[in-house]
């Protein structure tokens, strides 16, 4: 288990090394050992957009980016709504070190995708469904 203060120091060094650029940050995160990387990806040291970019290596829409930037990575355990389509919400979540997206009407899950390909799979599904 990575110590909290050590994790804070690592996060500071990562931000310095990446110059707060999401693409560079993702590349630097790739160099960390799995335990440290997973601890950062579920912590309050990264925002949820940085986690989104790390996993999917895709830029989201402006609304999703704003919502994710205002949320800590730790909030992904509960899920964060990143888009709304008619009566549906697209929710980005993280279970352990596995990212996922789901489409829900608030009561029922209509579609669920997980893993690094989840964003593209969800985009394809939404393109066909709507």
N, C-alpha and C. Protein backbone atom coordinates (compact mmCIF):
# COMPACT_ATOMS: atom_id res chain seq x y z
N UNK A 1 0.85 -1.19 0.00
CA UNK A 1 0.00 0.00 0.00
C UNK A 1 0.89 1.24 0.00
N UNK A 2 0.56 2.18 -0.88
CA UNK A 2 1.34 3.40 -1.01
C UNK A 2 0.90 4.41 0.05
N UNK A 3 1.85 4.95 0.77
CA UNK A 3 1.61 5.94 1.81
C UNK A 3 1.00 7.21 1.19
N UNK A 4 0.05 7.83 1.90
CA UNK A 4 -0.65 9.01 1.40
C UNK A 4 0.30 10.16 1.06
N UNK A 5 1.22 10.46 1.95
CA UNK A 5 2.14 11.57 1.70
C UNK A 5 3.09 11.24 0.55
N UNK A 6 3.46 9.98 0.43
CA UNK A 6 4.29 9.55 -0.70
C UNK A 6 3.52 9.69 -2.00
N UNK A 7 2.25 9.35 -1.97
CA UNK A 7 1.40 9.47 -3.15
C UNK A 7 1.26 10.95 -3.56
N UNK A 8 1.15 11.83 -2.58
CA UNK A 8 1.07 13.27 -2.87
C UNK A 8 2.35 13.75 -3.54
N UNK A 9 3.49 13.29 -3.05
CA UNK A 9 4.77 13.67 -3.66
C UNK A 9 4.87 13.15 -5.09
N UNK A 10 4.44 11.93 -5.30
CA UNK A 10 4.47 11.34 -6.65
C UNK A 10 3.57 12.13 -7.58
N UNK A 11 2.38 12.48 -7.12
CA UNK A 11 1.46 13.27 -7.94
C UNK A 11 2.08 14.61 -8.32
N UNK A 12 2.70 15.27 -7.37
CA UNK A 12 3.36 16.55 -7.66
C UNK A 12 4.44 16.39 -8.72
N UNK A 13 5.24 15.34 -8.60
CA UNK A 13 6.30 15.10 -9.59
C UNK A 13 5.71 14.78 -10.96
N UNK A 14 4.61 14.05 -10.99
CA UNK A 14 3.95 13.73 -12.26
C UNK A 14 3.43 14.99 -12.95
N UNK A 15 2.82 15.87 -12.18
CA UNK A 15 2.29 17.11 -12.77
C UNK A 15 3.43 17.98 -13.29
N UNK A 16 4.50 18.00 -12.56
CA UNK A 16 5.67 18.76 -13.00
C UNK A 16 6.24 18.17 -14.29
N UNK A 17 6.40 16.86 -14.33
CA UNK A 17 6.98 16.18 -15.49
C UNK A 17 6.08 16.28 -16.72
N UNK A 18 4.78 16.32 -16.50
CA UNK A 18 3.85 16.34 -17.64
C UNK A 18 3.41 17.75 -18.01
N UNK A 19 3.83 18.73 -17.24
CA UNK A 19 3.46 20.12 -17.50
C UNK A 19 1.94 20.27 -17.57
N UNK A 20 1.24 19.49 -16.74
CA UNK A 20 -0.22 19.49 -16.66
C UNK A 20 -0.91 19.19 -18.00
N UNK A 21 -0.24 18.49 -18.89
CA UNK A 21 -0.79 18.07 -20.17
C UNK A 21 -1.33 16.65 -20.01
N UNK A 22 -2.60 16.43 -20.36
CA UNK A 22 -3.24 15.13 -20.14
C UNK A 22 -2.55 14.00 -20.89
N UNK A 23 -2.15 14.25 -22.11
CA UNK A 23 -1.47 13.22 -22.90
C UNK A 23 -0.13 12.84 -22.28
N UNK A 24 0.63 13.83 -21.89
CA UNK A 24 1.92 13.56 -21.25
C UNK A 24 1.72 12.88 -19.89
N UNK A 25 0.70 13.31 -19.16
CA UNK A 25 0.42 12.70 -17.85
C UNK A 25 0.10 11.21 -18.03
N UNK A 26 -0.70 10.88 -19.03
CA UNK A 26 -1.03 9.48 -19.29
C UNK A 26 0.23 8.68 -19.60
N UNK A 27 1.12 9.25 -20.40
CA UNK A 27 2.37 8.57 -20.72
C UNK A 27 3.23 8.35 -19.48
N UNK A 28 3.27 9.34 -18.60
CA UNK A 28 4.07 9.21 -17.38
C UNK A 28 3.43 8.19 -16.43
N UNK A 29 2.11 8.18 -16.35
CA UNK A 29 1.42 7.19 -15.51
C UNK A 29 1.75 5.77 -15.97
N UNK A 30 1.91 5.59 -17.27
CA UNK A 30 2.26 4.27 -17.80
C UNK A 30 3.59 3.75 -17.26
N UNK A 31 4.46 4.65 -16.84
CA UNK A 31 5.79 4.24 -16.36
C UNK A 31 5.79 3.80 -14.90
N UNK A 32 4.70 4.07 -14.19
CA UNK A 32 4.64 3.72 -12.77
C UNK A 32 4.32 2.24 -12.57
N UNK A 33 4.70 1.73 -11.41
CA UNK A 33 4.31 0.36 -11.09
C UNK A 33 2.79 0.33 -10.88
N UNK A 34 2.20 -0.82 -11.09
CA UNK A 34 0.75 -0.97 -11.08
C UNK A 34 0.10 -0.50 -9.78
N UNK A 35 0.70 -0.83 -8.65
CA UNK A 35 0.12 -0.46 -7.36
C UNK A 35 0.05 1.06 -7.20
N UNK A 36 1.14 1.74 -7.53
CA UNK A 36 1.18 3.20 -7.41
C UNK A 36 0.21 3.85 -8.40
N UNK A 37 0.22 3.37 -9.63
CA UNK A 37 -0.67 3.92 -10.65
C UNK A 37 -2.14 3.74 -10.24
N UNK A 38 -2.51 2.55 -9.78
CA UNK A 38 -3.89 2.31 -9.36
C UNK A 38 -4.28 3.19 -8.18
N UNK A 39 -3.34 3.39 -7.26
CA UNK A 39 -3.61 4.27 -6.11
C UNK A 39 -3.87 5.69 -6.57
N UNK A 40 -3.10 6.17 -7.53
CA UNK A 40 -3.31 7.53 -8.05
C UNK A 40 -4.62 7.64 -8.82
N UNK A 41 -4.94 6.62 -9.61
CA UNK A 41 -6.13 6.65 -10.44
C UNK A 41 -7.43 6.57 -9.63
N UNK A 42 -7.33 6.25 -8.37
CA UNK A 42 -8.52 6.20 -7.51
C UNK A 42 -8.44 7.21 -6.36
N UNK A 43 -7.52 8.14 -6.46
CA UNK A 43 -7.26 9.09 -5.38
C UNK A 43 -7.93 10.44 -5.62
N UNK A 44 -7.70 11.35 -4.69
CA UNK A 44 -8.13 12.73 -4.85
C UNK A 44 -7.04 13.59 -5.48
N UNK A 45 -5.92 12.99 -5.82
CA UNK A 45 -4.81 13.75 -6.41
C UNK A 45 -5.01 13.99 -7.91
N UNK A 46 -5.75 13.12 -8.56
CA UNK A 46 -6.06 13.30 -9.98
C UNK A 46 -7.53 13.65 -10.10
N UNK A 47 -7.87 14.38 -11.16
CA UNK A 47 -9.29 14.61 -11.39
C UNK A 47 -9.81 13.50 -12.30
N UNK A 48 -11.12 13.39 -12.39
CA UNK A 48 -11.73 12.29 -13.13
C UNK A 48 -11.44 12.38 -14.63
N UNK A 49 -11.23 13.60 -15.15
CA UNK A 49 -10.90 13.71 -16.58
C UNK A 49 -9.52 13.13 -16.87
N UNK A 50 -8.58 13.32 -15.97
CA UNK A 50 -7.25 12.75 -16.16
C UNK A 50 -7.33 11.23 -16.20
N UNK A 51 -8.20 10.66 -15.39
CA UNK A 51 -8.41 9.21 -15.39
C UNK A 51 -9.09 8.78 -16.69
N UNK A 52 -10.11 9.52 -17.10
CA UNK A 52 -10.80 9.25 -18.35
C UNK A 52 -9.79 9.22 -19.51
N UNK A 53 -8.96 10.25 -19.59
CA UNK A 53 -7.98 10.30 -20.69
C UNK A 53 -6.96 9.17 -20.57
N UNK A 54 -6.53 8.88 -19.35
CA UNK A 54 -5.56 7.79 -19.17
C UNK A 54 -6.10 6.48 -19.74
N UNK A 55 -7.31 6.13 -19.40
CA UNK A 55 -7.86 4.85 -19.83
C UNK A 55 -8.22 4.82 -21.32
N UNK A 56 -8.86 5.87 -21.80
CA UNK A 56 -9.42 5.82 -23.15
C UNK A 56 -8.56 6.50 -24.21
N UNK A 57 -7.64 7.36 -23.80
CA UNK A 57 -6.77 8.11 -24.73
C UNK A 57 -7.61 8.80 -25.80
N UNK A 58 -8.73 9.31 -25.36
CA UNK A 58 -9.67 10.04 -26.22
C UNK A 58 -10.05 11.33 -25.51
N UNK A 59 -10.31 12.34 -26.29
CA UNK A 59 -10.81 13.60 -25.74
C UNK A 59 -12.33 13.52 -25.74
N UNK A 60 -12.92 13.88 -24.62
CA UNK A 60 -14.38 13.87 -24.52
C UNK A 60 -14.93 15.21 -25.00
N UNK A 61 -16.22 15.31 -25.06
CA UNK A 61 -16.86 16.58 -25.38
C UNK A 61 -16.63 17.59 -24.26
N UNK A 62 -16.92 18.85 -24.56
CA UNK A 62 -16.68 19.93 -23.59
C UNK A 62 -17.45 19.75 -22.29
N UNK A 63 -18.73 19.38 -22.39
CA UNK A 63 -19.53 19.22 -21.18
C UNK A 63 -18.97 18.09 -20.30
N UNK A 64 -18.64 16.98 -20.92
CA UNK A 64 -18.08 15.85 -20.17
C UNK A 64 -16.76 16.25 -19.53
N UNK A 65 -15.92 16.93 -20.29
CA UNK A 65 -14.61 17.34 -19.75
C UNK A 65 -14.79 18.24 -18.53
N UNK A 66 -15.69 19.21 -18.63
CA UNK A 66 -15.91 20.11 -17.49
C UNK A 66 -16.39 19.34 -16.27
N UNK A 67 -17.35 18.45 -16.46
CA UNK A 67 -17.87 17.67 -15.33
C UNK A 67 -16.77 16.83 -14.70
N UNK A 68 -15.97 16.20 -15.53
CA UNK A 68 -14.92 15.32 -15.03
C UNK A 68 -13.79 16.10 -14.37
N UNK A 69 -13.46 17.27 -14.91
CA UNK A 69 -12.39 18.07 -14.33
C UNK A 69 -12.78 18.59 -12.95
N UNK A 70 -14.06 18.74 -12.72
CA UNK A 70 -14.53 19.25 -11.43
C UNK A 70 -14.73 18.15 -10.39
N UNK A 71 -14.45 16.91 -10.78
CA UNK A 71 -14.62 15.77 -9.88
C UNK A 71 -13.29 15.08 -9.65
N UNK A 72 -13.10 14.60 -8.44
CA UNK A 72 -11.88 13.85 -8.11
C UNK A 72 -11.98 12.44 -8.69
N UNK A 73 -10.84 11.86 -8.95
CA UNK A 73 -10.80 10.49 -9.44
C UNK A 73 -11.54 9.55 -8.48
N UNK A 74 -11.46 9.83 -7.20
CA UNK A 74 -12.12 8.97 -6.21
C UNK A 74 -13.64 8.96 -6.39
N UNK A 75 -14.22 9.99 -7.01
CA UNK A 75 -15.66 10.05 -7.25
C UNK A 75 -16.12 9.00 -8.27
N UNK A 76 -15.19 8.47 -9.04
CA UNK A 76 -15.55 7.49 -10.07
C UNK A 76 -16.04 6.17 -9.48
N UNK A 77 -15.78 5.94 -8.22
CA UNK A 77 -16.29 4.73 -7.57
C UNK A 77 -17.83 4.76 -7.55
N UNK A 78 -18.40 5.96 -7.48
CA UNK A 78 -19.86 6.13 -7.50
C UNK A 78 -20.37 6.37 -8.92
N UNK A 79 -19.51 6.83 -9.79
CA UNK A 79 -19.89 7.14 -11.16
C UNK A 79 -20.20 8.62 -11.33
N UNK A 80 -19.88 9.13 -12.51
CA UNK A 80 -20.11 10.54 -12.82
C UNK A 80 -20.84 10.61 -14.16
N UNK A 81 -21.95 11.32 -14.18
CA UNK A 81 -22.68 11.51 -15.43
C UNK A 81 -21.87 12.43 -16.34
N UNK A 82 -21.56 11.93 -17.54
CA UNK A 82 -20.77 12.73 -18.46
C UNK A 82 -21.58 13.22 -19.66
N UNK A 83 -22.76 12.68 -19.85
CA UNK A 83 -23.59 13.13 -20.96
C UNK A 83 -25.04 12.76 -20.69
N UNK A 84 -25.94 13.53 -21.28
CA UNK A 84 -27.36 13.27 -21.17
C UNK A 84 -27.95 13.26 -22.57
N UNK A 85 -28.68 12.21 -22.89
CA UNK A 85 -29.30 12.06 -24.19
C UNK A 85 -30.76 11.68 -23.95
N UNK A 86 -31.65 12.58 -24.31
CA UNK A 86 -33.07 12.39 -24.02
C UNK A 86 -33.24 12.08 -22.54
N UNK A 87 -33.83 10.94 -22.22
CA UNK A 87 -34.04 10.59 -20.80
C UNK A 87 -32.89 9.78 -20.23
N UNK A 88 -31.83 9.58 -21.01
CA UNK A 88 -30.72 8.71 -20.61
C UNK A 88 -29.51 9.50 -20.16
N UNK A 89 -28.72 8.87 -19.31
CA UNK A 89 -27.45 9.42 -18.87
C UNK A 89 -26.34 8.44 -19.21
N UNK A 90 -25.21 9.00 -19.64
CA UNK A 90 -24.00 8.20 -19.83
C UNK A 90 -23.15 8.44 -18.59
N UNK A 91 -22.82 7.36 -17.89
CA UNK A 91 -22.09 7.46 -16.62
C UNK A 91 -20.73 6.78 -16.77
N UNK A 92 -19.69 7.53 -16.39
CA UNK A 92 -18.33 6.99 -16.36
C UNK A 92 -18.05 6.56 -14.93
N UNK A 93 -17.55 5.34 -14.77
CA UNK A 93 -17.26 4.82 -13.44
C UNK A 93 -15.96 4.01 -13.48
N UNK A 94 -15.49 3.70 -12.31
CA UNK A 94 -14.28 2.88 -12.18
C UNK A 94 -14.51 1.87 -11.07
N UNK A 95 -14.30 0.62 -11.39
CA UNK A 95 -14.41 -0.45 -10.40
C UNK A 95 -13.04 -1.08 -10.29
N UNK A 96 -12.36 -0.82 -9.18
CA UNK A 96 -10.96 -1.25 -9.05
C UNK A 96 -10.14 -0.51 -10.08
N UNK A 97 -9.44 -1.24 -10.90
CA UNK A 97 -8.65 -0.59 -11.95
C UNK A 97 -9.30 -0.80 -13.32
N UNK A 98 -10.61 -1.04 -13.32
CA UNK A 98 -11.33 -1.27 -14.57
C UNK A 98 -12.30 -0.11 -14.83
N UNK A 99 -12.10 0.65 -15.93
CA UNK A 99 -13.02 1.74 -16.25
C UNK A 99 -14.26 1.20 -16.94
N UNK A 100 -15.34 1.94 -16.84
CA UNK A 100 -16.55 1.53 -17.52
C UNK A 100 -17.47 2.69 -17.81
N UNK A 101 -18.37 2.46 -18.72
CA UNK A 101 -19.41 3.42 -19.07
C UNK A 101 -20.73 2.68 -19.10
N UNK A 102 -21.76 3.34 -18.63
CA UNK A 102 -23.08 2.74 -18.74
C UNK A 102 -24.07 3.77 -19.20
N UNK A 103 -25.11 3.30 -19.85
CA UNK A 103 -26.22 4.12 -20.30
C UNK A 103 -27.41 3.71 -19.45
N UNK A 104 -27.99 4.69 -18.77
CA UNK A 104 -29.08 4.38 -17.85
C UNK A 104 -30.20 5.40 -17.98
N UNK A 105 -31.39 4.98 -17.67
CA UNK A 105 -32.52 5.90 -17.63
C UNK A 105 -32.79 6.32 -16.18
N UNK A 106 -31.88 5.98 -15.29
CA UNK A 106 -32.03 6.31 -13.88
C UNK A 106 -32.50 5.14 -13.06
N UNK A 107 -33.19 4.22 -13.72
CA UNK A 107 -33.68 3.03 -13.04
C UNK A 107 -33.09 1.75 -13.62
N UNK A 108 -32.97 1.72 -14.94
CA UNK A 108 -32.48 0.53 -15.63
C UNK A 108 -31.25 0.86 -16.46
N UNK A 109 -30.31 -0.06 -16.47
CA UNK A 109 -29.12 0.08 -17.31
C UNK A 109 -29.47 -0.47 -18.68
N UNK A 110 -29.32 0.37 -19.69
CA UNK A 110 -29.62 -0.03 -21.07
C UNK A 110 -28.41 -0.66 -21.75
N UNK A 111 -27.21 -0.20 -21.38
CA UNK A 111 -25.97 -0.74 -21.97
C UNK A 111 -24.83 -0.50 -20.99
N UNK A 112 -23.88 -1.43 -21.00
CA UNK A 112 -22.71 -1.31 -20.13
C UNK A 112 -21.50 -1.79 -20.91
N UNK A 113 -20.43 -0.98 -20.86
CA UNK A 113 -19.18 -1.33 -21.51
C UNK A 113 -18.05 -1.11 -20.51
N UNK A 114 -17.07 -2.02 -20.51
CA UNK A 114 -15.96 -1.86 -19.58
C UNK A 114 -14.64 -2.14 -20.29
N UNK A 115 -13.58 -1.67 -19.65
CA UNK A 115 -12.25 -1.85 -20.21
C UNK A 115 -11.83 -0.64 -21.04
N UNK A 116 -10.63 -0.70 -21.55
CA UNK A 116 -10.06 0.44 -22.29
C UNK A 116 -10.81 0.77 -23.57
N UNK A 117 -11.57 -0.14 -24.11
CA UNK A 117 -12.33 0.12 -25.33
C UNK A 117 -13.75 0.60 -25.07
N UNK A 118 -14.11 0.80 -23.82
CA UNK A 118 -15.50 1.14 -23.46
C UNK A 118 -15.99 2.42 -24.11
N UNK A 119 -15.15 3.43 -24.21
CA UNK A 119 -15.59 4.71 -24.77
C UNK A 119 -15.97 4.57 -26.24
N UNK A 120 -15.13 3.91 -26.99
CA UNK A 120 -15.43 3.70 -28.42
C UNK A 120 -16.64 2.79 -28.60
N UNK A 121 -16.74 1.78 -27.76
CA UNK A 121 -17.90 0.89 -27.84
C UNK A 121 -19.19 1.63 -27.54
N UNK A 122 -19.16 2.49 -26.51
CA UNK A 122 -20.35 3.27 -26.16
C UNK A 122 -20.69 4.23 -27.29
N UNK A 123 -19.70 4.88 -27.87
CA UNK A 123 -19.95 5.81 -28.98
C UNK A 123 -20.60 5.06 -30.15
N UNK A 124 -20.09 3.88 -30.47
CA UNK A 124 -20.68 3.08 -31.54
C UNK A 124 -22.10 2.67 -31.23
N UNK A 125 -22.33 2.26 -30.00
CA UNK A 125 -23.67 1.86 -29.57
C UNK A 125 -24.64 3.03 -29.68
N UNK A 126 -24.22 4.20 -29.19
CA UNK A 126 -25.10 5.37 -29.23
C UNK A 126 -25.37 5.79 -30.68
N UNK A 127 -24.37 5.66 -31.53
CA UNK A 127 -24.56 6.00 -32.94
C UNK A 127 -25.61 5.13 -33.60
N UNK A 128 -25.67 3.88 -33.22
CA UNK A 128 -26.66 2.94 -33.78
C UNK A 128 -28.02 3.10 -33.12
N UNK A 129 -28.01 3.38 -31.81
CA UNK A 129 -29.24 3.40 -31.02
C UNK A 129 -30.05 4.67 -31.23
N UNK A 130 -29.35 5.79 -31.41
CA UNK A 130 -30.06 7.08 -31.55
C UNK A 130 -30.02 7.58 -32.94
